[in-house]
């Protein structure tokens, strides 16, 4: 599993948005979005609920986020 993808996912959950996560990471929003989508594909489940204003982790996403913080 790609550790950058874990870091990007954790940053999105912590920031509550792809834009703020990208700003904090110093990369583009597109890269963060693509990498998180690939992570979701890799793990085989949706980790984030995306709305027009915020991003929230699913139940699986909350569990996965807690595991990411342990890595």
Foldseek 3Di string as FASTA:
>chain_A
DDLVLLQLLLLQQVVFHLCNSCVVVVHDSVVSVVSVVVVCVVVVHQQWDDDPPGIHGDPVNVVSSVVSVVD
